[in-house]
C-alpha atoms as a PDB file:
ATOM      1  CA  MET A   1      -2.264  49.074 -20.727  1.00  0.00           C
ATOM      2  CA  PHE A   2      -1.536  45.879 -22.714  1.00  0.00           C
ATOM      3  CA  SER A   3       2.017  44.933 -23.534  1.00  0.00           C
ATOM      4  CA  LYS A   4       2.930  44.542 -27.175  1.00  0.00           C
ATOM      5  CA  LYS A   5       5.834  42.219 -26.418  1.00  0.00           C
ATOM      6  CA  PRO A   6       5.689  39.022 -28.444  1.00  0.00           C
ATOM      7  CA  ALA A   7       5.113  35.784 -26.577  1.00  0.00           C
ATOM      8  CA  PRO A   8       8.264  33.721 -25.944  1.00  0.00           C
ATOM      9  CA  LYS A   9       8.976  31.119 -28.589  1.00  0.00           C
ATOM     10  CA  THR A  10       7.908  27.632 -27.576  1.00  0.00           C
ATOM     11  CA  GLU A  11      11.193  26.049 -28.624  1.00  0.00           C
ATOM     12  CA  ALA A  12      13.241  28.364 -26.400  1.00  0.00           C
ATOM     13  CA  PHE A  13      10.835  27.832 -23.528  1.00  0.00           C
ATOM     14  CA  VAL A  14      11.040  24.023 -23.775  1.00  0.00           C
ATOM     15  CA  ARG A  15      14.835  24.119 -23.897  1.00  0.00           C
ATOM     16  CA  SER A  16      15.087  26.364 -20.811  1.00  0.00           C
ATOM     17  CA  ALA A  17      12.528  24.319 -18.848  1.00  0.00           C
ATOM     18  CA  THR A  18      14.377  21.102 -19.625  1.00  0.00           C
ATOM     19  CA  ALA A  19      17.741  22.570 -18.663  1.00  0.00           C
ATOM     20  CA  GLY A  20      16.301  23.929 -15.410  1.00  0.00           C
ATOM     21  CA  ASN A  21      14.887  20.552 -14.404  1.00  0.00           C
ATOM     22  CA  ALA A  22      18.053  18.599 -15.140  1.00  0.00           C
ATOM     23  CA  MET A  23      19.479  19.292 -11.677  1.00  0.00           C
ATOM     24  CA  THR A  24      16.319  18.771  -9.612  1.00  0.00           C
ATOM     25  CA  ALA A  25      14.482  15.565  -8.781  1.00  0.00           C
ATOM     26  CA  PRO A  26      10.956  15.126 -10.174  1.00  0.00           C
ATOM     27  CA  THR A  27       8.198  16.240  -7.840  1.00  0.00           C
ATOM     28  CA  PHE A  28       5.821  13.413  -8.856  1.00  0.00           C
ATOM     29  CA  SER A  29       5.619  10.231 -10.894  1.00  0.00           C
ATOM     30  CA  VAL A  30       2.607   9.079 -12.890  1.00  0.00           C
ATOM     31  CA  LEU A  31       1.631   5.444 -13.404  1.00  0.00           C
ATOM     32  CA  GLY A  32      -0.819   5.401 -16.304  1.00  0.00           C
ATOM     33  CA  ALA A  33      -4.139   3.598 -16.592  1.00  0.00           C
ATOM     34  CA  ASP A  34      -2.699   0.932 -18.909  1.00  0.00           C
ATOM     35  CA  LEU A  35       0.021  -0.030 -16.416  1.00  0.00           C
ATOM     36  CA  VAL A  36      -0.083  -3.118 -14.149  1.00  0.00           C
ATOM     37  CA  ILE A  37       2.676  -3.401 -11.541  1.00  0.00           C
ATOM     38  CA  LYS A  38       3.305  -6.533  -9.496  1.00  0.00           C
ATOM     39  CA  GLY A  39       5.705  -5.702  -6.682  1.00  0.00           C
ATOM     40  CA  ASP A  40       6.339  -3.114  -3.999  1.00  0.00           C
ATOM     41  CA  ILE A  41       6.802   0.572  -4.870  1.00  0.00           C
ATOM     42  CA  THR A  42       8.975   2.942  -2.853  1.00  0.00           C
ATOM     43  CA  ALA A  43       9.282   6.583  -3.899  1.00  0.00           C
ATOM     44  CA  SER A  44      10.518   9.756  -2.253  1.00  0.00           C
ATOM     45  CA  ALA A  45       8.290  11.807  -4.553  1.00  0.00           C
ATOM     46  CA  GLU A  46       4.526  11.971  -4.890  1.00  0.00           C
ATOM     47  CA  LEU A  47       2.882   9.214  -6.940  1.00  0.00           C
ATOM     48  CA  HIS A  48      -0.189   9.547  -9.136  1.00  0.00           C
ATOM     49  CA  ILE A  49      -1.578   6.087  -9.863  1.00  0.00           C
ATOM     50  CA  ASP A  50      -4.233   5.442 -12.477  1.00  0.00           C
ATOM     51  CA  GLY A  51      -3.327   1.794 -13.167  1.00  0.00           C
ATOM     52  CA  GLN A  52      -3.256  -1.411 -11.137  1.00  0.00           C
ATOM     53  CA  VAL A  53      -0.716  -2.157  -8.387  1.00  0.00           C
ATOM     54  CA  GLU A  54      -0.299  -5.512  -6.639  1.00  0.00           C
ATOM     55  CA  GLY A  55       2.144  -4.721  -3.861  1.00  0.00           C
ATOM     56  CA  ASP A  56       2.876  -2.332  -1.015  1.00  0.00           C
ATOM     57  CA  ILE A  57       3.321   1.390  -1.689  1.00  0.00           C
ATOM     58  CA  THR A  58       5.535   3.718   0.363  1.00  0.00           C
ATOM     59  CA  CYS A  59       5.825   7.340  -0.770  1.00  0.00           C
ATOM     60  CA  SER A  60       5.596  10.928   0.416  1.00  0.00           C
ATOM     61  CA  GLY A  61       2.253  11.527  -1.265  1.00  0.00           C
ATOM     62  CA  LEU A  62      -0.243   9.430  -3.201  1.00  0.00           C
ATOM     63  CA  VAL A  63      -3.028  10.417  -5.564  1.00  0.00           C
ATOM     64  CA  GLN A  64      -5.165   7.528  -6.783  1.00  0.00           C
ATOM     65  CA  GLY A  65      -7.410   7.799  -9.833  1.00  0.00           C
ATOM     66  CA  GLU A  66     -11.016   6.562  -9.898  1.00  0.00           C
ATOM     67  CA  ALA A  67     -10.309   3.559 -12.157  1.00  0.00           C
ATOM     68  CA  SER A  68      -7.209   2.514 -10.188  1.00  0.00           C
ATOM     69  CA  ALA A  69      -6.915  -0.544  -7.941  1.00  0.00           C
ATOM     70  CA  ILE A  70      -4.252  -1.122  -5.287  1.00  0.00           C
ATOM     71  CA  HIS A  71      -3.909  -4.576  -3.707  1.00  0.00           C
ATOM     72  CA  GLY A  72      -1.411  -3.984  -0.903  1.00  0.00           C
ATOM     73  CA  SER A  73      -0.659  -1.661   1.977  1.00  0.00           C
ATOM     74  CA  ILE A  74      -0.171   2.098   1.615  1.00  0.00           C
ATOM     75  CA  ARG A  75       2.169   4.184   3.742  1.00  0.00           C
ATOM     76  CA  ALA A  76       2.498   7.907   2.999  1.00  0.00           C
ATOM     77  CA  GLN A  77       2.413  11.383   4.478  1.00  0.00           C
ATOM     78  CA  THR A  78      -0.597  12.366   2.365  1.00  0.00           C
ATOM     79  CA  ALA A  79      -3.019  10.356   0.247  1.00  0.00           C
ATOM     80  CA  ARG A  80      -6.067  11.144  -1.853  1.00  0.00           C
ATOM     81  CA  LEU A  81      -7.879   7.916  -2.721  1.00  0.00           C
ATOM     82  CA  ALA A  82     -10.546   7.642  -5.423  1.00  0.00           C
ATOM     83  CA  GLY A  83     -10.332   3.988  -6.546  1.00  0.00           C
ATOM     84  CA  ILE A  84     -10.222   0.562  -4.901  1.00  0.00           C
ATOM     85  CA  VAL A  85      -7.729  -0.249  -2.123  1.00  0.00           C
ATOM     86  CA  ARG A  86      -7.448  -3.735  -0.632  1.00  0.00           C
ATOM     87  CA  GLY A  87      -4.941  -3.522   2.213  1.00  0.00           C
ATOM     88  CA  GLY A  88      -3.925  -1.538   5.258  1.00  0.00           C
ATOM     89  CA  ILE A  89      -3.397   2.215   5.080  1.00  0.00           C
ATOM     90  CA  GLU A  90      -1.146   4.330   7.299  1.00  0.00           C
ATOM     91  CA  VAL A  91      -1.278   7.993   6.287  1.00  0.00           C
ATOM     92  CA  ALA A  92      -0.852  11.259   8.182  1.00  0.00           C
ATOM     93  CA  GLN A  93      -3.380  13.186   6.030  1.00  0.00           C
ATOM     94  CA  LEU A  94      -5.960  11.070   4.223  1.00  0.00           C
ATOM     95  CA  VAL A  95      -8.787  12.084   1.889  1.00  0.00           C
ATOM     96  CA  VAL A  96     -11.178   9.328   0.831  1.00  0.00           C
ATOM     97  CA  GLN A  97     -13.157  10.569  -2.144  1.00  0.00           C
ATOM     98  CA  LYS A  98     -16.752   9.581  -2.898  1.00  0.00           C
ATOM     99  CA  THR A  99     -15.719   7.037  -5.566  1.00  0.00           C
ATOM    100  CA  ALA A 100     -13.244   5.238  -3.259  1.00  0.00           C
ATOM    101  CA  ARG A 101     -13.733   1.723  -1.905  1.00  0.00           C
ATOM    102  CA  VAL A 102     -11.331   0.768   0.896  1.00  0.00           C
ATOM    103  CA  TYR A 103     -11.105  -2.785   2.248  1.00  0.00           C
ATOM    104  CA  GLY A 104      -8.667  -2.761   5.151  1.00  0.00           C
ATOM    105  CA  ASP A 105      -7.718  -1.033   8.386  1.00  0.00           C
ATOM    106  CA  VAL A 106      -6.835   2.667   8.279  1.00  0.00           C
ATOM    107  CA  LYS A 107      -4.459   4.560  10.593  1.00  0.00           C
ATOM    108  CA  TYR A 108      -4.470   8.338  10.192  1.00  0.00           C
ATOM    109  CA  GLU A 109      -3.744  11.685  11.823  1.00  0.00           C
ATOM    110  CA  VAL A 110      -6.190  13.794   9.765  1.00  0.00           C
ATOM    111  CA  LEU A 111      -9.076  12.137   7.922  1.00  0.00           C
ATOM    112  CA  THR A 112     -11.608  13.442   5.408  1.00  0.00           C
ATOM    113  CA  ILE A 113     -14.277  11.107   4.023  1.00  0.00           C
ATOM    114  CA  GLU A 114     -16.535  12.376   1.270  1.00  0.00           C
ATOM    115  CA  GLN A 115     -20.186  11.377   1.251  1.00  0.00           C
ATOM    116  CA  GLY A 116     -20.542   8.158  -0.754  1.00  0.00           C
ATOM    117  CA  ALA A 117     -17.072   6.741   0.019  1.00  0.00           C
ATOM    118  CA  GLN A 118     -16.934   3.234   1.479  1.00  0.00           C
ATOM    119  CA  ILE A 119     -14.496   1.911   4.092  1.00  0.00           C
ATOM    120  CA  ASP A 120     -14.720  -1.699   5.209  1.00  0.00           C
ATOM    121  CA  GLY A 121     -12.210  -1.912   8.068  1.00  0.00           C
ATOM    122  CA  ARG A 122     -11.221  -0.317  11.334  1.00  0.00           C
ATOM    123  CA  LEU A 123     -10.317   3.357  11.635  1.00  0.00           C
ATOM    124  CA  ARG A 124      -7.618   4.261  14.146  1.00  0.00           C
ATOM    125  CA  HIS A 125      -6.385   7.729  14.949  1.00  0.00           C
ATOM    126  CA  GLY A 126      -2.651   8.116  15.375  1.00  0.00           C
ATOM    127  CA  ILE A 127       0.239   6.688  13.414  1.00  0.00           C
ATOM    128  CA  GLU A 128       3.584   5.549  14.765  1.00  0.00           C
ATOM    129  CA  PRO A 129       6.970   5.567  13.091  1.00  0.00           C
ATOM    130  CA  VAL A 130       8.219   2.165  11.981  1.00  0.00           C
ATOM    131  CA  GLU A 131      11.181   2.356  14.381  1.00  0.00           C
ATOM    132  CA  ALA A 132       8.844   2.824  17.354  1.00  0.00           C
ATOM    133  CA  GLU A 133       7.086  -0.490  16.833  1.00  0.00           C
ATOM    134  CA  ALA A 134       8.402  -3.015  19.363  1.00  0.00           C
ATOM    135  CA  PRO A 135       8.385  -6.727  18.607  1.00  0.00           C
ATOM    136  CA  LEU A 136       5.865  -8.854  20.465  1.00  0.00           C
ATOM    137  CA  THR A 137       7.407 -11.002  23.198  1.00  0.00           C
ATOM    138  CA  LEU A 138       5.730 -13.852  24.962  1.00  0.00           C
ATOM    139  CA  VAL A 139       6.258 -14.337  28.688  1.00  0.00           C
ATOM    140  CA  SER A 140       5.692 -17.780  30.143  1.00  0.00           C
END
């Protein structure tokens, strides 16, 4: 019933995992709690942010830790917010966890707000692609 095969050696496993990942792009990037970034972040992968960011964030997915603070706008397909955000948010699927504090307007397609979360701003259903936004023209 139980196999008596020995477990694979760790060294061989690490070598094969590293070789297998050499050709593929990382699926996520982590910004640690001790990190402070001043500037915009653009990533094609998912970001996990535990530190402080002062700038706009554009990525495919965002996971924000409880002790994290973002001072800038967020644009992503999915986001799970647990810290402080000061800026506009435009996300297709947004989860605002109970520890989150959001100060800014939120555009979304699907929204989940846990009991205890705080949002100080306007909520608006529906997001538009950047290319679809037309410049404002004044007619006299």
